Amino acid sequence: MKAIICLLVLTTSITSVFSRPITALITFENNTDNTSISGVFYITETNQSIQVNSLDSFTIQLPKYGKYHFRFYSEDVHAFTSYPVKITERKNVITIRLENKTKEVALAPTERRFPMQDISNISTEHLEEGIALGSINFIAHGLVAIDPEAAKIFKSAYGVGFISENCVVDPISFKTAMQTNKRIEAYLISKFGEDWKNKLPATPFGLQLDRF
């Protein structure tokens, strides 16, 4: 009986630790010439967006211990977000590294969607609806230069745009980007064959193209 009671107490304690709110610290690593910042911090799992107007560190409250996905976006700089695979009371620091926009990268289309959405399993009908609305985009990761005029021409012809995302920092974002691009690729091949690949303004993440 004592063993059962101890097990119940231990189980209750562990459940309590994993289910109670977690405080996470967001810090900036500023490698830019900027002395201030204006941007938005996104938390995918809680569907939150937090306006940020300072380079000072700040804290957020998360519902419980576990996996989360964070992004920071600013029109002024490139932002690269790194964080632990699981947020715990001991591993709770989210670092946002800011870099100056290079001339080439600044040419990239400004169209972005946050947080990144996985469209790999949507029906062809829904995919075509998204294309008609202009919301379907190939994903490029890292500092990829995308000619805006070429991107506009491509989208005008095929209905698919481009998003230049931050460098991949977690397996889920990696998988989402690759599956999304593969889904769009399969659709375009079924509709237009292979010729459209020769008109791509940049290489979508996860696609292997002979000409690049």
C-alpha atoms as a PDB file:
ATOM      1  CA  MET A   1       0.000   0.000   0.000  1.00  0.00           C
ATOM      2  CA  LYS A   2       2.828   2.404   0.884  1.00  0.00           C
ATOM      3  CA  ALA A   3       4.479   1.684  -2.463  1.00  0.00           C
ATOM      4  CA  ILE A   4       1.242   2.504  -4.288  1.00  0.00           C
ATOM      5  CA  ILE A   5       0.808   5.720  -2.338  1.00  0.00           C
ATOM      6  CA  CYS A   6       4.418   6.760  -3.064  1.00  0.00           C
ATOM      7  CA  LEU A   7       3.919   6.005  -6.759  1.00  0.00           C
ATOM      8  CA  LEU A   8       0.745   8.095  -6.839  1.00  0.00           C
ATOM      9  CA  VAL A   9       2.503  10.990  -5.104  1.00  0.00           C
ATOM     10  CA  LEU A  10       5.450  10.759  -7.503  1.00  0.00           C
ATOM     11  CA  THR A  11       3.141  10.596 -10.539  1.00  0.00           C
ATOM     12  CA  THR A  12       1.161  13.588  -9.289  1.00  0.00           C
ATOM     13  CA  SER A  13       4.374  15.560  -8.703  1.00  0.00           C
ATOM     14  CA  ILE A  14       5.715  14.804 -12.183  1.00  0.00           C
ATOM     15  CA  THR A  15       2.373  15.694 -13.794  1.00  0.00           C
ATOM     16  CA  SER A  16       2.304  18.940 -11.841  1.00  0.00           C
ATOM     17  CA  VAL A  17       5.825  19.872 -12.988  1.00  0.00           C
ATOM     18  CA  PHE A  18       5.031  19.190 -16.658  1.00  0.00           C
ATOM     19  CA  SER A  19       1.646  20.925 -16.677  1.00  0.00           C
ATOM     20  CA  ARG A  20       2.414  24.135 -14.809  1.00  0.00           C
ATOM     21  CA  PRO A  21       3.244  27.352 -16.699  1.00  0.00           C
ATOM     22  CA  ILE A  22       6.802  27.936 -17.852  1.00  0.00           C
ATOM     23  CA  THR A  23       8.535  31.317 -18.068  1.00  0.00           C
ATOM     24  CA  ALA A  24      10.820  31.680 -21.088  1.00  0.00           C
ATOM     25  CA  LEU A  25      13.422  34.407 -21.616  1.00  0.00           C
ATOM     26  CA  ILE A  26      13.859  36.045 -25.029  1.00  0.00           C
ATOM     27  CA  THR A  27      17.221  37.705 -25.653  1.00  0.00           C
ATOM     28  CA  PHE A  28      18.706  39.507 -28.659  1.00  0.00           C
ATOM     29  CA  GLU A  29      22.134  39.016 -30.199  1.00  0.00           C
ATOM     30  CA  ASN A  30      22.434  42.200 -32.190  1.00  0.00           C
ATOM     31  CA  ASN A  31      24.976  42.003 -35.015  1.00  0.00           C
ATOM     32  CA  THR A  32      23.503  44.955 -36.885  1.00  0.00           C
ATOM     33  CA  ASP A  33      24.044  48.707 -36.957  1.00  0.00           C
ATOM     34  CA  ASN A  34      20.583  49.224 -35.464  1.00  0.00           C
ATOM     35  CA  THR A  35      20.205  50.540 -31.923  1.00  0.00           C
ATOM     36  CA  SER A  36      16.473  49.805 -31.821  1.00  0.00           C
ATOM     37  CA  ILE A  37      14.124  47.260 -33.317  1.00  0.00           C
ATOM     38  CA  SER A  38      10.531  46.968 -34.459  1.00  0.00           C
ATOM     39  CA  GLY A  39       9.148  43.522 -35.131  1.00  0.00           C
ATOM     40  CA  VAL A  40       6.799  40.731 -34.151  1.00  0.00           C
ATOM     41  CA  PHE A  41       7.557  37.622 -32.092  1.00  0.00           C
ATOM     42  CA  TYR A  42       5.407  34.595 -32.977  1.00  0.00           C
ATOM     43  CA  ILE A  43       4.529  31.509 -30.927  1.00  0.00           C
ATOM     44  CA  THR A  44       3.008  28.850 -33.164  1.00  0.00           C
ATOM     45  CA  GLU A  45       1.417  26.532 -30.591  1.00  0.00           C
ATOM     46  CA  THR A  46      -0.407  29.298 -28.689  1.00  0.00           C
ATOM     47  CA  ASN A  47      -1.198  31.334 -31.819  1.00  0.00           C
ATOM     48  CA  GLN A  48       0.307  34.447 -30.229  1.00  0.00           C
ATOM     49  CA  SER A  49       2.005  37.406 -31.838  1.00  0.00           C
ATOM     50  CA  ILE A  50       3.847  39.890 -29.628  1.00  0.00           C
ATOM     51  CA  GLN A  51       4.858  43.329 -30.849  1.00  0.00           C
ATOM     52  CA  VAL A  52       8.482  44.093 -29.975  1.00  0.00           C
ATOM     53  CA  ASN A  53       9.887  47.633 -29.996  1.00  0.00           C
ATOM     54  CA  SER A  54      13.079  47.226 -27.986  1.00  0.00           C
ATOM     55  CA  LEU A  55      16.304  45.228 -27.984  1.00  0.00           C
ATOM     56  CA  ASP A  56      15.910  44.599 -24.272  1.00  0.00           C
ATOM     57  CA  SER A  57      15.375  41.021 -23.117  1.00  0.00           C
ATOM     58  CA  PHE A  58      11.836  40.092 -22.125  1.00  0.00           C
ATOM     59  CA  THR A  59       9.927  37.103 -20.773  1.00  0.00           C
ATOM     60  CA  ILE A  60       6.851  35.211 -21.919  1.00  0.00           C
ATOM     61  CA  GLN A  61       4.561  32.751 -20.173  1.00  0.00           C
ATOM     62  CA  LEU A  62       4.016  29.381 -21.840  1.00  0.00           C
ATOM     63  CA  PRO A  63       1.205  27.027 -20.778  1.00  0.00           C
ATOM     64  CA  LYS A  64       3.460  24.113 -19.838  1.00  0.00           C
ATOM     65  CA  TYR A  65       6.712  22.222 -20.379  1.00  0.00           C
ATOM     66  CA  GLY A  66       7.119  20.990 -23.932  1.00  0.00           C
ATOM     67  CA  LYS A  67       7.946  21.689 -27.568  1.00  0.00           C
ATOM     68  CA  TYR A  68       7.273  25.118 -29.042  1.00  0.00           C
ATOM     69  CA  HIS A  69       8.128  26.913 -32.254  1.00  0.00           C
ATOM     70  CA  PHE A  70       9.122  30.568 -32.223  1.00  0.00           C
ATOM     71  CA  ARG A  71       9.840  33.138 -34.929  1.00  0.00           C
ATOM     72  CA  PHE A  72      10.753  36.784 -35.014  1.00  0.00           C
ATOM     73  CA  TYR A  73      10.159  38.996 -38.021  1.00  0.00           C
ATOM     74  CA  SER A  74      11.270  42.553 -38.700  1.00  0.00           C
ATOM     75  CA  GLU A  75      11.247  44.545 -41.913  1.00  0.00           C
ATOM     76  CA  ASP A  76      14.567  46.135 -40.934  1.00  0.00           C
ATOM     77  CA  VAL A  77      16.861  43.143 -40.351  1.00  0.00           C
ATOM     78  CA  HIS A  78      17.255  39.422 -40.856  1.00  0.00           C
ATOM     79  CA  ALA A  79      16.364  37.455 -37.739  1.00  0.00           C
ATOM     80  CA  PHE A  80      17.509  33.925 -36.862  1.00  0.00           C
ATOM     81  CA  THR A  81      15.764  32.326 -33.905  1.00  0.00           C
ATOM     82  CA  SER A  82      17.315  29.494 -31.869  1.00  0.00           C
ATOM     83  CA  TYR A  83      15.847  27.711 -28.851  1.00  0.00           C
ATOM     84  CA  PRO A  84      15.856  24.347 -27.022  1.00  0.00           C
ATOM     85  CA  VAL A  85      13.961  21.418 -28.517  1.00  0.00           C
ATOM     86  CA  LYS A  86      11.842  21.406 -25.366  1.00  0.00           C
ATOM     87  CA  ILE A  87      11.229  24.395 -23.133  1.00  0.00           C
ATOM     88  CA  THR A  88      11.737  23.531 -19.454  1.00  0.00           C
ATOM     89  CA  GLU A  89      12.426  25.512 -16.304  1.00  0.00           C
ATOM     90  CA  ARG A  90      16.166  25.057 -16.878  1.00  0.00           C
ATOM     91  CA  LYS A  91      16.222  25.236 -20.681  1.00  0.00           C
ATOM     92  CA  ASN A  92      14.103  28.267 -21.346  1.00  0.00           C
ATOM     93  CA  VAL A  93      16.238  30.801 -23.246  1.00  0.00           C
ATOM     94  CA  ILE A  94      15.219  31.840 -26.775  1.00  0.00           C
ATOM     95  CA  THR A  95      17.902  33.748 -28.678  1.00  0.00           C
ATOM     96  CA  ILE A  96      17.141  36.025 -31.623  1.00  0.00           C
ATOM     97  CA  ARG A  97      20.220  36.802 -33.694  1.00  0.00           C
ATOM     98  CA  LEU A  98      19.901  39.933 -35.816  1.00  0.00           C
ATOM     99  CA  GLU A  99      21.938  40.481 -38.962  1.00  0.00           C
ATOM    100  CA  ASN A 100      22.095  43.404 -41.391  1.00  0.00           C
ATOM    101  CA  LYS A 101      20.224  42.872 -44.622  1.00  0.00           C
ATOM    102  CA  THR A 102      22.626  42.549 -47.518  1.00  0.00           C
ATOM    103  CA  LYS A 103      21.831  44.301 -50.771  1.00  0.00           C
ATOM    104  CA  GLU A 104      21.085  40.994 -52.492  1.00  0.00           C
ATOM    105  CA  VAL A 105      18.840  39.625 -49.773  1.00  0.00           C
ATOM    106  CA  ALA A 106      16.966  42.904 -49.525  1.00  0.00           C
ATOM    107  CA  LEU A 107      15.758  42.236 -53.072  1.00  0.00           C
ATOM    108  CA  ALA A 108      13.849  39.174 -51.915  1.00  0.00           C
ATOM    109  CA  PRO A 109      10.055  39.411 -52.067  1.00  0.00           C
ATOM    110  CA  THR A 110       8.553  40.767 -48.869  1.00  0.00           C
ATOM    111  CA  GLU A 111       5.576  38.425 -48.936  1.00  0.00           C
ATOM    112  CA  ARG A 112       5.675  36.263 -45.818  1.00  0.00           C
ATOM    113  CA  ARG A 113       3.323  34.067 -43.828  1.00  0.00           C
ATOM    114  CA  PHE A 114       3.855  33.466 -40.109  1.00  0.00           C
ATOM    115  CA  PRO A 115       3.819  30.959 -38.622  1.00  0.00           C
ATOM    116  CA  MET A 116       4.773  28.566 -41.411  1.00  0.00           C
ATOM    117  CA  GLN A 117       1.847  26.353 -42.395  1.00  0.00           C
ATOM    118  CA  ASP A 118       2.103  22.747 -43.585  1.00  0.00           C
ATOM    119  CA  ILE A 119       0.080  22.309 -46.797  1.00  0.00           C
ATOM    120  CA  SER A 120       1.501  18.890 -47.674  1.00  0.00           C
ATOM    121  CA  ASN A 121      -1.761  17.038 -47.032  1.00  0.00           C
ATOM    122  CA  ILE A 122      -4.369  19.465 -48.364  1.00  0.00           C
ATOM    123  CA  SER A 123      -6.512  18.414 -51.297  1.00  0.00           C
ATOM    124  CA  THR A 124      -5.851  19.587 -54.846  1.00  0.00           C
ATOM    125  CA  GLU A 125      -9.082  21.576 -54.671  1.00  0.00           C
ATOM    126  CA  HIS A 126      -7.938  23.445 -51.569  1.00  0.00           C
ATOM    127  CA  LEU A 127      -4.476  23.925 -53.030  1.00  0.00           C
ATOM    128  CA  GLU A 128      -5.981  25.502 -56.144  1.00  0.00           C
ATOM    129  CA  GLU A 129      -8.159  27.743 -53.966  1.00  0.00           C
ATOM    130  CA  GLY A 130      -5.021  28.900 -52.130  1.00  0.00           C
ATOM    131  CA  ILE A 131      -3.250  29.561 -55.427  1.00  0.00           C
ATOM    132  CA  ALA A 132      -6.236  31.587 -56.644  1.00  0.00           C
ATOM    133  CA  LEU A 133      -6.038  33.644 -53.438  1.00  0.00           C
ATOM    134  CA  GLY A 134      -2.289  34.132 -53.854  1.00  0.00           C
ATOM    135  CA  SER A 135      -1.463  32.435 -50.544  1.00  0.00           C
ATOM    136  CA  ILE A 136       0.542  29.427 -51.777  1.00  0.00           C
ATOM    137  CA  ASN A 137       4.310  29.894 -51.726  1.00  0.00           C
ATOM    138  CA  PHE A 138       7.480  27.915 -52.228  1.00  0.00           C
ATOM    139  CA  ILE A 139       9.814  28.199 -49.226  1.00  0.00           C
ATOM    140  CA  ALA A 140      13.480  29.169 -49.479  1.00  0.00           C
ATOM    141  CA  HIS A 141      15.626  28.998 -46.344  1.00  0.00           C
ATOM    142  CA  GLY A 142      18.621  31.061 -45.336  1.00  0.00           C
ATOM    143  CA  LEU A 143      20.151  34.024 -47.102  1.00  0.00           C
ATOM    144  CA  VAL A 144      18.804  33.210 -50.551  1.00  0.00           C
ATOM    145  CA  ALA A 145      18.720  36.026 -53.098  1.00  0.00           C
ATOM    146  CA  ILE A 146      15.439  36.047 -55.000  1.00  0.00           C
ATOM    147  CA  ASP A 147      15.014  38.376 -57.971  1.00  0.00           C
ATOM    148  CA  PRO A 148      11.665  40.109 -57.233  1.00  0.00           C
ATOM    149  CA  GLU A 149      10.854  40.644 -60.918  1.00  0.00           C
ATOM    150  CA  ALA A 150      11.479  36.981 -61.732  1.00  0.00           C
ATOM    151  CA  ALA A 151       9.366  35.983 -58.729  1.00  0.00           C
ATOM    152  CA  LYS A 152       6.491  38.177 -59.930  1.00  0.00           C
ATOM    153  CA  ILE A 153       6.685  36.724 -63.434  1.00  0.00           C
ATOM    154  CA  PHE A 154       6.695  33.188 -62.044  1.00  0.00           C
ATOM    155  CA  LYS A 155       3.705  33.861 -59.792  1.00  0.00           C
ATOM    156  CA  SER A 156       1.817  35.509 -62.643  1.00  0.00           C
ATOM    157  CA  ALA A 157       2.371  32.430 -64.805  1.00  0.00           C
ATOM    158  CA  TYR A 158       1.867  29.664 -62.241  1.00  0.00           C
ATOM    159  CA  GLY A 159       0.134  31.290 -59.271  1.00  0.00           C
ATOM    160  CA  VAL A 160       2.808  30.303 -56.760  1.00  0.00           C
ATOM    161  CA  GLY A 161       4.928  32.840 -54.903  1.00  0.00           C
ATOM    162  CA  PHE A 162       8.106  32.643 -52.809  1.00  0.00           C
ATOM    163  CA  ILE A 163       8.850  33.111 -49.106  1.00  0.00           C
ATOM    164  CA  SER A 164      12.407  33.616 -47.866  1.00  0.00           C
ATOM    165  CA  GLU A 165      12.395  32.157 -44.335  1.00  0.00           C
ATOM    166  CA  ASN A 166      14.987  32.125 -41.575  1.00  0.00           C
ATOM    167  CA  CYS A 167      17.572  29.360 -41.476  1.00  0.00           C
ATOM    168  CA  VAL A 168      16.110  26.060 -40.310  1.00  0.00           C
ATOM    169  CA  VAL A 169      16.611  25.639 -36.562  1.00  0.00           C
ATOM    170  CA  ASP A 170      14.420  22.651 -35.743  1.00  0.00           C
ATOM    171  CA  PRO A 171      13.367  19.362 -37.365  1.00  0.00           C
ATOM    172  CA  ILE A 172       9.682  20.285 -37.623  1.00  0.00           C
ATOM    173  CA  SER A 173      10.351  23.478 -39.617  1.00  0.00           C
ATOM    174  CA  PHE A 174      12.753  21.500 -41.797  1.00  0.00           C
ATOM    175  CA  LYS A 175      10.095  18.858 -42.486  1.00  0.00           C
ATOM    176  CA  THR A 176       7.307  21.391 -43.036  1.00  0.00           C
ATOM    177  CA  ALA A 177       9.320  23.393 -45.591  1.00  0.00           C
ATOM    178  CA  MET A 178      10.379  20.310 -47.519  1.00  0.00           C
ATOM    179  CA  GLN A 179       6.914  18.708 -47.599  1.00  0.00           C
ATOM    180  CA  THR A 180       5.262  21.986 -48.577  1.00  0.00           C
ATOM    181  CA  ASN A 181       7.648  22.488 -51.491  1.00  0.00           C
ATOM    182  CA  LYS A 182       7.290  18.860 -52.593  1.00  0.00           C
ATOM    183  CA  ARG A 183       3.481  19.198 -52.560  1.00  0.00           C
ATOM    184  CA  ILE A 184       3.614  22.311 -54.735  1.00  0.00           C
ATOM    185  CA  GLU A 185       6.149  20.674 -57.040  1.00  0.00           C
ATOM    186  CA  ALA A 186       3.891  17.628 -57.554  1.00  0.00           C
ATOM    187  CA  TYR A 187       0.924  19.861 -58.344  1.00  0.00           C
ATOM    188  CA  LEU A 188       2.820  22.000 -60.859  1.00  0.00           C
ATOM    189  CA  ILE A 189       4.246  18.915 -62.583  1.00  0.00           C
ATOM    190  CA  SER A 190       0.769  17.425 -62.912  1.00  0.00           C
ATOM    191  CA  LYS A 191      -0.547  20.662 -64.408  1.00  0.00           C
ATOM    192  CA  PHE A 192       2.407  22.037 -66.422  1.00  0.00           C
ATOM    193  CA  GLY A 193       4.924  19.227 -66.791  1.00  0.00           C
ATOM    194  CA  GLU A 194       8.583  20.041 -66.023  1.00  0.00           C
ATOM    195  CA  ASP A 195       9.061  23.277 -68.009  1.00  0.00           C
ATOM    196  CA  TRP A 196       8.096  25.563 -65.110  1.00  0.00           C
ATOM    197  CA  LYS A 197      11.282  24.547 -63.245  1.00  0.00           C
ATOM    198  CA  ASN A 198      13.359  26.454 -65.794  1.00  0.00           C
ATOM    199  CA  LYS A 199      11.609  29.685 -64.788  1.00  0.00           C
ATOM    200  CA  LEU A 200      12.110  29.439 -61.016  1.00  0.00           C
ATOM    201  CA  PRO A 201      13.727  32.593 -59.571  1.00  0.00           C
ATOM    202  CA  ALA A 202      15.467  30.503 -56.865  1.00  0.00           C
ATOM    203  CA  THR A 203      15.685  26.923 -55.624  1.00  0.00           C
ATOM    204  CA  PRO A 204      12.820  26.030 -53.260  1.00  0.00           C
ATOM    205  CA  PHE A 205      14.018  24.253 -50.129  1.00  0.00           C
ATOM    206  CA  GLY A 206      14.270  20.475 -50.609  1.00  0.00           C
ATOM    207  CA  LEU A 207      14.022  20.483 -54.425  1.00  0.00           C
ATOM    208  CA  GLN A 208      16.923  19.222 -56.498  1.00  0.00           C
ATOM    209  CA  LEU A 209      17.152  21.096 -59.785  1.00  0.00           C
ATOM    210  CA  ASP A 210      19.850  20.324 -62.333  1.00  0.00           C
ATOM    211  CA  ARG A 211      20.140  23.892 -63.551  1.00  0.00           C
ATOM    212  CA  PHE A 212      21.098  25.329 -60.125  1.00  0.00           C
END
